[in-house]
């Protein structure tokens, strides 16, 4: 669904720009309203997701491993399978399972063992490495589109030139997303269980490394002599980021940690990715 979110954001940007066309041509500072509206629209799906997350029941595994309530977990499973809303008459504190409670001492003890710690290190470092490239490109799509001449316009009027440049960038992002990003995600959906998470992640990193070396070494010749080749390679980058580590780096941390540390492990891994995004945007 992230691919559809990326596509949706570009479409929202295009619609908002179209709505403010006259205002921007009259006064370019009207663009200030556009980015605020586009950013604010992102809160809408976030609020919807928060509502559903607050109202759905916990998983039976969470109820057993974290709340230590076997009766409640059993009742939840039975209710789900029977598609009814009935609850067990013994619902409440019941049988308990001997799973350690989450605590700093247990966290240190668990991840202090190399067989467990290396998993967290692996999920964190792979997300960190991916996001240097993912955000290095994603946050600078406008620069890349300008570099290949797609966002450039030659209108005499500055305000009109600014509007057309922003419109072309939004259209360019839509094209890139449709050609590479969305297909990459859904090819992963088709193969992630048949092929497996780890093979897809390794394959994605290998292909991306090759593509980045080629595009980095030949950036200026491609830009000057073969824009179509540049666009093809850039689209392949988008495809293999998503048929690869941009999908698996957030699937794997949701599956490899014990229930009591699943959110924590996933959060540390995700935070490492955002550190990579900071390195990409600020460092480079």
Protein backbone atom coordinates (compact mmCIF):
# COMPACT_ATOMS: atom_id res chain seq x y z
CA UNK A 1 0.00 0.00 0.00
CA UNK A 2 2.97 2.36 0.40
CA UNK A 3 3.26 2.51 -3.38
CA UNK A 4 -0.34 3.68 -3.63
CA UNK A 5 0.40 6.23 -0.90
CA UNK A 6 3.35 7.61 -2.87
CA UNK A 7 1.19 7.74 -5.99
CA UNK A 8 -1.65 9.36 -4.03
CA UNK A 9 0.63 12.09 -2.69
CA UNK A 10 1.79 13.01 -6.19
CA UNK A 11 -1.82 13.12 -7.42
CA UNK A 12 -2.83 15.32 -4.45
CA UNK A 13 0.06 17.67 -5.28
CA UNK A 14 -1.06 17.90 -8.91
CA UNK A 15 -4.70 18.56 -7.96
CA UNK A 16 -3.76 21.24 -5.41
CA UNK A 17 -1.46 22.94 -7.93
CA UNK A 18 -4.24 22.93 -10.53
CA UNK A 19 -6.63 24.47 -7.99
CA UNK A 20 -4.13 27.27 -7.24
CA UNK A 21 -3.02 27.85 -10.83
CA UNK A 22 -4.55 31.31 -11.17
CA UNK A 23 -3.33 32.37 -7.72
CA UNK A 24 0.25 31.20 -8.43
CA UNK A 25 0.37 32.94 -11.81
CA UNK A 26 -0.87 36.14 -10.13
CA UNK A 27 1.55 35.81 -7.17
CA UNK A 28 4.09 32.98 -6.87
CA UNK A 29 3.98 33.18 -3.06
CA UNK A 30 0.62 31.35 -3.29
CA UNK A 31 2.73 28.18 -3.59
CA UNK A 32 3.09 28.49 0.18
CA UNK A 33 -0.55 27.44 0.56
CA UNK A 34 -0.04 24.46 -1.75
CA UNK A 35 2.67 22.67 0.21
CA UNK A 36 0.81 23.29 3.48
CA UNK A 37 -2.38 21.74 2.08
CA UNK A 38 -0.49 18.79 0.54
CA UNK A 39 1.29 18.15 3.85
CA UNK A 40 -1.94 18.50 5.82
CA UNK A 41 -3.73 16.00 3.60
CA UNK A 42 -1.26 13.41 4.83
CA UNK A 43 -2.90 13.60 8.26
CA UNK A 44 -6.19 12.22 6.91
CA UNK A 45 -5.08 8.60 6.29
CA UNK A 46 -2.99 8.82 9.45
CA UNK A 47 -6.06 9.68 11.56
CA UNK A 48 -8.03 6.86 9.90
CA UNK A 49 -5.26 4.37 10.61
CA UNK A 50 -5.05 5.53 14.24
CA UNK A 51 -8.79 5.05 14.71
CA UNK A 52 -8.72 1.50 13.35
CA UNK A 53 -5.63 0.63 15.38
CA UNK A 54 -7.25 1.83 18.59
CA UNK A 55 -10.44 -0.15 17.96
CA UNK A 56 -9.18 -3.52 16.68
CA UNK A 57 -8.61 -6.30 19.24
CA UNK A 58 -5.11 -7.41 20.16
CA UNK A 59 -3.80 -10.61 18.59
CA UNK A 60 -4.07 -13.83 20.64
CA UNK A 61 -0.27 -14.08 20.61
CA UNK A 62 -0.01 -10.63 22.22
CA UNK A 63 -2.70 -11.54 24.77
CA UNK A 64 -0.80 -14.70 25.74
CA UNK A 65 2.80 -13.49 25.57
CA UNK A 66 2.41 -9.94 26.90
CA UNK A 67 -0.84 -9.90 28.89
CA UNK A 68 -0.27 -13.53 29.97
CA UNK A 69 -3.98 -14.33 29.70
CA UNK A 70 -4.58 -17.71 28.04
CA UNK A 71 -8.36 -17.71 28.58
CA UNK A 72 -8.78 -14.36 26.83
CA UNK A 73 -6.57 -15.45 23.93
CA UNK A 74 -8.52 -18.69 23.53
CA UNK A 75 -11.80 -16.79 23.59
CA UNK A 76 -10.55 -14.32 20.97
CA UNK A 77 -9.50 -17.15 18.65
CA UNK A 78 -12.84 -18.93 19.08
CA UNK A 79 -14.81 -15.73 18.46
CA UNK A 80 -12.84 -14.98 15.33
CA UNK A 81 -13.23 -18.47 13.89
CA UNK A 82 -16.96 -18.52 14.65
CA UNK A 83 -17.40 -14.93 13.37
CA UNK A 84 -19.45 -14.05 16.46
CA UNK A 85 -19.17 -11.44 19.16
CA UNK A 86 -19.71 -13.85 22.06
CA UNK A 87 -17.08 -13.96 24.77
CA UNK A 88 -16.00 -16.65 27.13
CA UNK A 89 -17.86 -16.53 30.46
CA UNK A 90 -14.49 -16.88 32.15
CA UNK A 91 -13.15 -13.82 30.34
CA UNK A 92 -10.78 -12.06 32.68
CA UNK A 93 -7.58 -12.93 34.53
CA UNK A 94 -7.14 -16.64 33.86
CA UNK A 95 -4.39 -19.11 33.12
CA UNK A 96 -1.01 -17.53 32.66
CA UNK A 97 1.93 -18.57 30.52
CA UNK A 98 5.53 -18.53 31.60
CA UNK A 99 6.86 -15.92 29.16
CA UNK A 100 9.23 -13.30 30.63
CA UNK A 101 7.75 -9.83 31.05
CA UNK A 102 9.26 -7.02 29.04
CA UNK A 103 11.77 -5.08 31.13
CA UNK A 104 15.14 -3.40 30.71
CA UNK A 105 16.90 -6.30 32.39
CA UNK A 106 15.14 -8.88 30.18
CA UNK A 107 15.73 -6.73 27.08
CA UNK A 108 19.45 -6.51 27.87
CA UNK A 109 19.63 -10.21 28.64
CA UNK A 110 17.77 -11.22 25.47
CA UNK A 111 19.55 -8.98 22.97
CA UNK A 112 22.86 -9.35 24.80
CA UNK A 113 23.06 -12.86 23.34
CA UNK A 114 24.73 -12.69 19.94
CA UNK A 115 22.18 -14.99 18.27
CA UNK A 116 19.46 -12.44 19.18
CA UNK A 117 21.48 -9.23 19.02
CA UNK A 118 22.76 -9.94 15.51
CA UNK A 119 19.15 -10.11 14.27
CA UNK A 120 18.44 -6.60 15.59
CA UNK A 121 21.77 -5.39 14.20
CA UNK A 122 20.93 -6.90 10.82
CA UNK A 123 17.44 -5.40 10.57
CA UNK A 124 18.75 -2.00 11.71
CA UNK A 125 21.79 -1.81 9.45
CA UNK A 126 19.93 -3.02 6.36
CA UNK A 127 17.21 -0.39 6.90
CA UNK A 128 19.90 2.26 7.53
CA UNK A 129 21.74 1.35 4.30
CA UNK A 130 18.54 1.30 2.25
CA UNK A 131 17.27 4.66 3.45
CA UNK A 132 20.48 6.48 2.57
CA UNK A 133 19.69 5.60 -1.04
CA UNK A 134 15.88 5.65 -0.81
CA UNK A 135 15.59 9.12 0.74
CA UNK A 136 18.68 10.40 -1.07
CA UNK A 137 16.72 9.87 -4.27
CA UNK A 138 13.14 10.25 -3.02
CA UNK A 139 13.65 13.63 -1.36
CA UNK A 140 15.50 14.90 -4.42
CA UNK A 141 13.25 13.64 -7.21
CA UNK A 142 12.68 17.25 -8.23
CA UNK A 143 16.43 17.80 -8.65
CA UNK A 144 16.75 14.61 -10.70
CA UNK A 145 13.78 15.55 -12.89
CA UNK A 146 15.34 18.98 -13.41
CA UNK A 147 18.69 17.40 -14.25
CA UNK A 148 17.15 15.46 -17.13
CA UNK A 149 15.23 18.52 -18.29
CA UNK A 150 11.76 17.29 -17.40
CA UNK A 151 10.96 19.99 -14.84
CA UNK A 152 12.48 22.84 -16.86
CA UNK A 153 10.20 25.28 -18.61
CA UNK A 154 11.00 28.25 -20.83
CA UNK A 155 8.07 30.52 -20.08
CA UNK A 156 8.96 34.22 -20.07
CA UNK A 157 6.74 34.96 -17.06
CA UNK A 158 8.47 33.87 -13.82
CA UNK A 159 5.23 32.94 -12.04
CA UNK A 160 4.02 30.82 -14.94
CA UNK A 161 7.45 29.19 -15.17
CA UNK A 162 7.31 28.31 -11.46
CA UNK A 163 3.82 26.81 -11.81
CA UNK A 164 4.74 24.72 -14.85
CA UNK A 165 7.95 23.52 -13.23
CA UNK A 166 6.07 22.30 -10.14
CA UNK A 167 3.36 20.73 -12.30
CA UNK A 168 5.95 18.87 -14.37
CA UNK A 169 7.62 17.58 -11.20
CA UNK A 170 4.30 16.28 -9.90
CA UNK A 171 3.58 14.61 -13.25
CA UNK A 172 7.10 13.19 -13.34
CA UNK A 173 6.64 11.67 -9.89
CA UNK A 174 3.33 10.12 -10.98
CA UNK A 175 4.99 8.57 -14.05
CA UNK A 176 7.95 7.23 -12.03
CA UNK A 177 5.61 5.77 -9.42
CA UNK A 178 3.36 4.06 -11.98
CA UNK A 179 6.31 2.70 -13.97
CA UNK A 180 8.57 1.54 -11.14
CA UNK A 181 7.36 1.98 -7.58
CA UNK A 182 3.88 0.41 -7.59
CA UNK A 183 4.86 -2.56 -9.82
CA UNK A 184 7.88 -3.23 -7.59
CA UNK A 185 5.73 -3.52 -4.48
CA UNK A 186 3.21 -5.82 -6.11
CA UNK A 187 5.82 -8.12 -7.63
CA UNK A 188 7.05 -8.47 -4.04
CA UNK A 189 3.51 -9.34 -2.95
CA UNK A 190 3.49 -12.11 -5.58
CA UNK A 191 6.88 -13.59 -4.61
CA UNK A 192 7.50 -12.75 -0.94
CA UNK A 193 6.07 -16.03 0.38
CA UNK A 194 7.17 -18.24 -2.52
CA UNK A 195 10.71 -16.92 -2.80
CA UNK A 196 11.19 -15.63 0.74
CA UNK A 197 12.11 -12.38 2.45
CA UNK A 198 15.87 -12.89 2.68
CA UNK A 199 16.46 -13.83 -1.00
CA UNK A 200 14.40 -10.83 -2.17
CA UNK A 201 16.30 -8.48 0.15
CA UNK A 202 19.73 -9.73 -0.91
CA UNK A 203 18.77 -9.72 -4.60
CA UNK A 204 17.46 -6.17 -4.27
CA UNK A 205 20.61 -4.87 -2.59
CA UNK A 206 22.84 -6.53 -5.24
CA UNK A 207 20.85 -5.14 -8.18
CA UNK A 208 20.64 -1.68 -6.61
CA UNK A 209 24.39 -1.63 -5.98
CA UNK A 210 25.05 -2.38 -9.66
CA UNK A 211 22.52 0.21 -10.86
CA UNK A 212 23.86 2.92 -8.54
CA UNK A 213 27.44 2.30 -9.67
CA UNK A 214 26.42 2.48 -13.33
CA UNK A 215 24.28 5.61 -12.88
CA UNK A 216 26.83 7.30 -10.65
CA UNK A 217 29.74 6.64 -13.01
CA UNK A 218 27.82 7.60 -16.14
CA UNK A 219 25.56 10.33 -14.72
CA UNK A 220 26.77 13.23 -16.88
CA UNK A 221 27.09 11.24 -20.15
CA UNK A 222 23.61 9.80 -19.63
CA UNK A 223 22.18 13.24 -18.88
CA UNK A 224 23.86 14.84 -21.89
CA UNK A 225 23.52 12.10 -24.51
CA UNK A 226 20.84 9.59 -23.54
CA UNK A 227 17.92 10.82 -21.45
CA UNK A 228 15.80 7.73 -22.35
CA UNK A 229 18.53 5.43 -20.99
CA UNK A 230 18.68 7.54 -17.82
CA UNK A 231 14.92 7.27 -17.36
CA UNK A 232 15.01 3.48 -17.91
CA UNK A 233 17.79 3.03 -15.33
CA UNK A 234 16.05 5.37 -12.88
CA UNK A 235 12.80 3.44 -13.27
CA UNK A 236 14.66 0.17 -12.65
CA UNK A 237 16.05 1.73 -9.47
CA UNK A 238 12.54 2.47 -8.27
CA UNK A 239 11.40 -1.04 -9.21
CA UNK A 240 14.19 -2.92 -7.43
CA UNK A 241 14.06 -0.69 -4.37
CA UNK A 242 10.51 -1.95 -3.88
CA UNK A 243 10.96 -5.44 -5.31
CA UNK A 244 13.70 -5.64 -2.75
CA UNK A 245 14.81 -4.01 0.50
CA UNK A 246 12.30 -1.15 0.71
CA UNK A 247 9.63 -3.81 1.27
CA UNK A 248 11.56 -6.50 3.12
CA UNK A 249 13.28 -4.14 5.57
CA UNK A 250 9.94 -3.38 7.22
CA UNK A 251 8.44 -6.88 6.82
CA UNK A 252 11.29 -8.75 8.50
CA UNK A 253 11.42 -6.73 11.78
CA UNK A 254 7.70 -7.41 12.21
CA UNK A 255 8.32 -11.16 12.18
CA UNK A 256 11.69 -12.02 13.74
CA UNK A 257 11.43 -10.65 17.29
CA UNK A 258 9.55 -12.18 20.23
CA UNK A 259 6.13 -10.64 20.79
CA UNK A 260 7.14 -8.67 23.88
CA UNK A 261 9.86 -6.86 21.88
CA UNK A 262 8.30 -6.81 18.42
CA UNK A 263 7.33 -3.13 18.52
CA UNK A 264 10.63 -2.22 20.17
CA UNK A 265 12.73 -4.15 17.66
CA UNK A 266 10.74 -2.77 14.74
CA UNK A 267 10.99 0.75 16.17
CA UNK A 268 14.76 0.58 16.61
CA UNK A 269 15.11 -0.77 13.06
CA UNK A 270 12.86 1.95 11.64
CA UNK A 271 14.69 4.66 13.60
CA UNK A 272 17.97 3.41 12.11
CA UNK A 273 16.40 3.90 8.70
CA UNK A 274 15.47 7.48 9.51
CA UNK A 275 19.05 8.06 10.64
CA UNK A 276 20.04 6.92 7.15
CA UNK A 277 17.55 9.44 5.72
CA UNK A 278 19.22 12.22 7.76
CA UNK A 279 22.65 11.14 6.51
CA UNK A 280 21.33 11.19 2.92
CA UNK A 281 19.71 14.61 3.14
CA UNK A 282 22.07 16.48 5.48
CA UNK A 283 25.33 14.60 5.04
CA UNK A 284 25.31 14.60 1.25
